[in-house]
PDB file of N, CA and C in Angstrom:
ATOM      1  N   UNK A   1     -14.370 104.845  -1.758  1.00  0.00           N
ATOM      2  CA  UNK A   1     -15.556 105.205  -0.924  1.00  0.00           C
ATOM      3  C   UNK A   1     -15.340 104.993   0.408  1.00  0.00           C
ATOM      4  N   UNK A   2     -15.687 106.105   1.371  1.00  0.00           N
ATOM      5  CA  UNK A   2     -15.381 105.764   2.764  1.00  0.00           C
ATOM      6  C   UNK A   2     -16.761 105.504   3.389  1.00  0.00           C
ATOM      7  N   UNK A   3     -17.405 104.539   4.371  1.00  0.00           N
ATOM      8  CA  UNK A   3     -18.358 104.501   4.607  1.00  0.00           C
ATOM      9  C   UNK A   3     -18.244 104.931   6.219  1.00  0.00           C
ATOM     10  N   UNK A   4     -19.374 105.784   6.657  1.00  0.00           N
ATOM     11  CA  UNK A   4     -19.118 106.206   8.056  1.00  0.00           C
ATOM     12  C   UNK A   4     -20.383 105.623   8.697  1.00  0.00           C
ATOM     13  N   UNK A   5     -20.258 105.195   9.909  1.00  0.00           N
ATOM     14  CA  UNK A   5     -21.339 104.317  10.459  1.00  0.00           C
ATOM     15  C   UNK A   5     -21.890 105.264  11.635  1.00  0.00           C
ATOM     16  N   UNK A   6     -23.259 105.718  11.408  1.00  0.00           N
ATOM     17  CA  UNK A   6     -24.018 106.318  12.256  1.00  0.00           C
ATOM     18  C   UNK A   6     -24.280 105.432  13.450  1.00  0.00           C
ATOM     19  N   UNK A   7     -24.494 105.967  14.770  1.00  0.00           N
ATOM     20  CA  UNK A   7     -25.047 105.163  15.840  1.00  0.00           C
ATOM     21  C   UNK A   7     -26.156 104.384  15.562  1.00  0.00           C
ATOM     22  N   UNK A   8     -27.127 104.980  14.817  1.00  0.00           N
ATOM     23  CA  UNK A   8     -28.323 104.378  14.279  1.00  0.00           C
ATOM     24  C   UNK A   8     -28.098 103.149  13.534  1.00  0.00           C
ATOM     25  N   UNK A   9     -27.273 103.255  12.548  1.00  0.00           N
ATOM     26  CA  UNK A   9     -26.860 102.117  11.611  1.00  0.00           C
ATOM     27  C   UNK A   9     -25.924 100.970  12.405  1.00  0.00           C
ATOM     28  N   UNK A  10     -25.277 101.402  13.519  1.00  0.00           N
ATOM     29  CA  UNK A  10     -24.715 100.472  14.327  1.00  0.00           C
ATOM     30  C   UNK A  10     -25.611  99.678  15.016  1.00  0.00           C
ATOM     31  N   UNK A  11     -26.626 100.225  15.755  1.00  0.00           N
ATOM     32  CA  UNK A  11     -27.600  99.782  16.298  1.00  0.00           C
ATOM     33  C   UNK A  11     -28.361  98.905  15.694  1.00  0.00           C
ATOM     34  N   UNK A  12     -28.562  99.183  14.354  1.00  0.00           N
ATOM     35  CA  UNK A  12     -29.810  98.506  13.389  1.00  0.00           C
ATOM     36  C   UNK A  12     -29.145  96.870  13.167  1.00  0.00           C
ATOM     37  N   UNK A  13     -27.773  97.125  12.916  1.00  0.00           N
ATOM     38  CA  UNK A  13     -26.862  95.952  12.429  1.00  0.00           C
ATOM     39  C   UNK A  13     -27.024  95.176  13.676  1.00  0.00           C
ATOM     40  N   UNK A  14     -26.750  95.498  14.877  1.00  0.00           N
ATOM     41  CA  UNK A  14     -26.834  94.735  16.404  1.00  0.00           C
ATOM     42  C   UNK A  14     -27.953  93.840  16.340  1.00  0.00           C
ATOM     43  N   UNK A  15     -29.186  94.839  16.034  1.00  0.00           N
ATOM     44  CA  UNK A  15     -30.391  94.405  16.503  1.00  0.00           C
ATOM     45  C   UNK A  15     -30.804  93.218  15.321  1.00  0.00           C
ATOM     46  N   UNK A  16     -30.339  93.370  13.992  1.00  0.00           N
ATOM     47  CA  UNK A  16     -30.912  92.448  13.290  1.00  0.00           C
ATOM     48  C   UNK A  16     -29.858  91.272  13.453  1.00  0.00           C
ATOM     49  N   UNK A  17     -28.766  91.101  13.744  1.00  0.00           N
ATOM     50  CA  UNK A  17     -27.913  90.184  14.556  1.00  0.00           C
ATOM     51  C   UNK A  17     -28.497  89.466  15.694  1.00  0.00           C
ATOM     52  N   UNK A  18     -28.986  90.398  16.593  1.00  0.00           N
ATOM     53  CA  UNK A  18     -29.701  89.546  17.604  1.00  0.00           C
ATOM     54  C   UNK A  18     -31.066  88.875  17.312  1.00  0.00           C
ATOM     55  N   UNK A  19     -31.685  89.567  16.451  1.00  0.00           N
ATOM     56  CA  UNK A  19     -32.988  89.053  16.143  1.00  0.00           C
ATOM     57  C   UNK A  19     -32.696  87.688  15.461  1.00  0.00           C
ATOM     58  N   UNK A  20     -32.094  87.729  14.487  1.00  0.00           N
ATOM     59  CA  UNK A  20     -31.599  86.428  13.602  1.00  0.00           C
ATOM     60  C   UNK A  20     -31.107  85.414  14.736  1.00  0.00           C
ATOM     61  N   UNK A  21     -30.330  85.667  15.319  1.00  0.00           N
ATOM     62  CA  UNK A  21     -29.871  84.796  16.232  1.00  0.00           C
ATOM     63  C   UNK A  21     -30.621  83.947  17.167  1.00  0.00           C
ATOM     64  N   UNK A  22     -31.692  84.538  17.226  1.00  0.00           N
ATOM     65  CA  UNK A  22     -32.588  83.729  18.355  1.00  0.00           C
ATOM     66  C   UNK A  22     -33.302  82.452  17.611  1.00  0.00           C
ATOM     67  N   UNK A  23     -33.115  82.607  16.261  1.00  0.00           N
ATOM     68  CA  UNK A  23     -33.367  81.281  15.540  1.00  0.00           C
ATOM     69  C   UNK A  23     -32.508  80.369  15.146  1.00  0.00           C
ATOM     70  N   UNK A  24     -31.395  81.258  14.551  1.00  0.00           N
ATOM     71  CA  UNK A  24     -30.203  80.475  14.209  1.00  0.00           C
ATOM     72  C   UNK A  24     -28.790  81.641  14.134  1.00  0.00           C
ATOM     73  N   UNK A  25     -28.099  81.085  15.301  1.00  0.00           N
ATOM     74  CA  UNK A  25     -26.842  81.853  15.429  1.00  0.00           C
ATOM     75  C   UNK A  25     -25.840  81.904  14.186  1.00  0.00           C
ATOM     76  N   UNK A  26     -25.733  80.837  13.525  1.00  0.00           N
ATOM     77  CA  UNK A  26     -24.818  80.782  12.431  1.00  0.00           C
ATOM     78  C   UNK A  26     -25.204  81.645  11.402  1.00  0.00           C
ATOM     79  N   UNK A  27     -26.750  81.512  10.830  1.00  0.00           N
ATOM     80  CA  UNK A  27     -27.349  82.434   9.997  1.00  0.00           C
ATOM     81  C   UNK A  27     -27.169  83.601  10.202  1.00  0.00           C
ATOM     82  N   UNK A  28     -27.464  83.969  11.367  1.00  0.00           N
ATOM     83  CA  UNK A  28     -27.048  85.452  11.868  1.00  0.00           C
ATOM     84  C   UNK A  28     -25.692  85.885  11.553  1.00  0.00           C
ATOM     85  N   UNK A  29     -24.730  85.373  11.821  1.00  0.00           N
ATOM     86  CA  UNK A  29     -23.478  85.436  11.812  1.00  0.00           C
ATOM     87  C   UNK A  29     -23.147  85.807  10.139  1.00  0.00           C
ATOM     88  N   UNK A  30     -23.869  84.831   9.277  1.00  0.00           N
ATOM     89  CA  UNK A  30     -23.569  84.818   7.966  1.00  0.00           C
ATOM     90  C   UNK A  30     -23.995  86.210   7.385  1.00  0.00           C
ATOM     91  N   UNK A  31     -25.190  86.303   7.746  1.00  0.00           N
ATOM     92  CA  UNK A  31     -25.996  87.687   7.116  1.00  0.00           C
ATOM     93  C   UNK A  31     -25.120  88.933   7.500  1.00  0.00           C
ATOM     94  N   UNK A  32     -24.858  89.199   8.809  1.00  0.00           N
ATOM     95  CA  UNK A  32     -23.950  90.280   9.236  1.00  0.00           C
ATOM     96  C   UNK A  32     -22.702  90.442   8.313  1.00  0.00           C
ATOM     97  N   UNK A  33     -21.889  89.190   8.475  1.00  0.00           N
ATOM     98  CA  UNK A  33     -20.589  89.171   7.536  1.00  0.00           C
ATOM     99  C   UNK A  33     -20.993  89.598   5.889  1.00  0.00           C
ATOM    100  N   UNK A  34     -22.119  88.943   5.642  1.00  0.00           N
ATOM    101  CA  UNK A  34     -22.354  89.396   3.990  1.00  0.00           C
ATOM    102  C   UNK A  34     -22.630  90.879   4.017  1.00  0.00           C
ATOM    103  N   UNK A  35     -23.401  91.537   4.781  1.00  0.00           N
ATOM    104  CA  UNK A  35     -23.457  92.878   4.814  1.00  0.00           C
ATOM    105  C   UNK A  35     -22.294  93.622   5.101  1.00  0.00           C
ATOM    106  N   UNK A  36     -21.563  93.038   5.966  1.00  0.00           N
ATOM    107  CA  UNK A  36     -20.199  94.076   6.160  1.00  0.00           C
ATOM    108  C   UNK A  36     -19.357  94.085   4.684  1.00  0.00           C
ATOM    109  N   UNK A  37     -19.337  92.792   4.167  1.00  0.00           N
ATOM    110  CA  UNK A  37     -18.299  92.482   3.092  1.00  0.00           C
ATOM    111  C   UNK A  37     -18.978  93.469   2.002  1.00  0.00           C
ATOM    112  N   UNK A  38     -20.161  93.368   1.661  1.00  0.00           N
ATOM    113  CA  UNK A  38     -20.764  94.322   0.669  1.00  0.00           C
ATOM    114  C   UNK A  38     -20.628  95.584   0.908  1.00  0.00           C
ATOM    115  N   UNK A  39     -20.592  96.103   2.172  1.00  0.00           N
ATOM    116  CA  UNK A  39     -20.148  97.462   2.220  1.00  0.00           C
ATOM    117  C   UNK A  39     -18.639  97.659   2.027  1.00  0.00           C
ATOM    118  N   UNK A  40     -17.650  96.876   2.213  1.00  0.00           N
ATOM    119  CA  UNK A  40     -16.206  96.819   1.985  1.00  0.00           C
ATOM    120  C   UNK A  40     -16.081  97.092   0.761  1.00  0.00           C
ATOM    121  N   UNK A  41     -17.025  96.206  -0.296  1.00  0.00           N
ATOM    122  CA  UNK A  41     -16.469  96.076  -1.431  1.00  0.00           C
ATOM    123  C   UNK A  41     -17.128  97.195  -2.426  1.00  0.00           C
ATOM    124  N   UNK A  42     -18.274  97.957  -1.759  1.00  0.00           N
ATOM    125  CA  UNK A  42     -18.988  99.031  -2.480  1.00  0.00           C
ATOM    126  C   UNK A  42     -18.184 100.101  -3.136  1.00  0.00           C
ATOM    127  N   UNK A  43     -16.979 100.308  -2.874  1.00  0.00           N
ATOM    128  CA  UNK A  43     -16.330 101.166  -3.630  1.00  0.00           C
ATOM    129  C   UNK A  43     -15.706 100.866  -5.092  1.00  0.00           C
ATOM    130  N   UNK A  44     -15.852  99.592  -4.977  1.00  0.00           N
ATOM    131  CA  UNK A  44     -15.511  98.778  -6.402  1.00  0.00           C
ATOM    132  C   UNK A  44     -13.574  98.695  -6.449  1.00  0.00           C
ATOM    133  N   UNK A  45     -12.770  99.279  -5.380  1.00  0.00           N
ATOM    134  CA  UNK A  45     -11.447  99.121  -5.526  1.00  0.00           C
ATOM    135  C   UNK A  45     -11.129  98.359  -3.801  1.00  0.00           C
ATOM    136  N   UNK A  46     -11.034  97.238  -3.638  1.00  0.00           N
ATOM    137  CA  UNK A  46     -10.896  96.270  -2.226  1.00  0.00           C
ATOM    138  C   UNK A  46     -10.050  97.110  -1.631  1.00  0.00           C
ATOM    139  N   UNK A  47      -8.956  97.705  -2.284  1.00  0.00           N
ATOM    140  CA  UNK A  47      -8.036  98.245  -1.639  1.00  0.00           C
ATOM    141  C   UNK A  47      -8.200  99.614  -0.985  1.00  0.00           C
ATOM    142  N   UNK A  48      -9.456 100.167  -1.127  1.00  0.00           N
ATOM    143  CA  UNK A  48     -10.112 101.432  -0.469  1.00  0.00           C
ATOM    144  C   UNK A  48     -11.007 100.851   0.524  1.00  0.00           C
ATOM    145  N   UNK A  49     -11.062  99.633   1.011  1.00  0.00           N
ATOM    146  CA  UNK A  49     -11.949  99.042   1.740  1.00  0.00           C
ATOM    147  C   UNK A  49     -11.814  99.725   3.036  1.00  0.00           C
ATOM    148  N   UNK A  50     -12.406  99.294   4.331  1.00  0.00           N
ATOM    149  CA  UNK A  50     -12.223  99.355   5.608  1.00  0.00           C
ATOM    150  C   UNK A  50     -12.587  98.540   6.293  1.00  0.00           C
ATOM    151  N   UNK A  51     -12.412  98.738   7.513  1.00  0.00           N
ATOM    152  CA  UNK A  51     -12.629  97.615   8.563  1.00  0.00           C
ATOM    153  C   UNK A  51     -14.191  97.570   8.923  1.00  0.00           C
ATOM    154  N   UNK A  52     -15.108  97.405   8.330  1.00  0.00           N
ATOM    155  CA  UNK A  52     -16.638  97.733   8.558  1.00  0.00           C
ATOM    156  C   UNK A  52     -17.089  97.247   9.779  1.00  0.00           C
ATOM    157  N   UNK A  53     -16.580  95.969  10.069  1.00  0.00           N
ATOM    158  CA  UNK A  53     -16.841  95.182  11.406  1.00  0.00           C
ATOM    159  C   UNK A  53     -16.558  96.132  12.558  1.00  0.00           C
ATOM    160  N   UNK A  54     -15.344  96.526  12.563  1.00  0.00           N
ATOM    161  CA  UNK A  54     -14.908  97.263  13.713  1.00  0.00           C
ATOM    162  C   UNK A  54     -15.508  98.156  13.681  1.00  0.00           C
ATOM    163  N   UNK A  55     -15.837  98.931  12.760  1.00  0.00           N
ATOM    164  CA  UNK A  55     -16.560 100.465  12.767  1.00  0.00           C
ATOM    165  C   UNK A  55     -17.915 100.359  13.201  1.00  0.00           C
ATOM    166  N   UNK A  56     -18.441  99.256  12.915  1.00  0.00           N
ATOM    167  CA  UNK A  56     -19.901  98.906  13.059  1.00  0.00           C
ATOM    168  C   UNK A  56     -19.996  98.216  14.706  1.00  0.00           C
ATOM    169  N   UNK A  57     -18.834  98.145  15.555  1.00  0.00           N
ATOM    170  CA  UNK A  57     -18.935  97.801  16.752  1.00  0.00           C
ATOM    171  C   UNK A  57     -19.094  96.192  16.700  1.00  0.00           C
ATOM    172  N   UNK A  58     -18.822  95.414  15.819  1.00  0.00           N
ATOM    173  CA  UNK A  58     -18.714  93.946  15.629  1.00  0.00           C
ATOM    174  C   UNK A  58     -17.511  93.326  15.265  1.00  0.00           C
ATOM    175  N   UNK A  59     -16.438  93.973  15.204  1.00  0.00           N
ATOM    176  CA  UNK A  59     -15.469  93.215  14.776  1.00  0.00           C
ATOM    177  C   UNK A  59     -14.575  93.191  15.941  1.00  0.00           C
TER     178      UNK A  59
END
């Protein structure tokens, strides 16, 4: 499975990170990392993953 990032999805992820970072920067980074990892593994076969962070503009 290939994930394509829309500009809205990228913006939402950045806004989420920025919002969480105002309270706890380390937690914000963990949340974003967890979301990106879940997307990478969503296809069931890690060999078909993608650099979700880079595609989202966060890598």
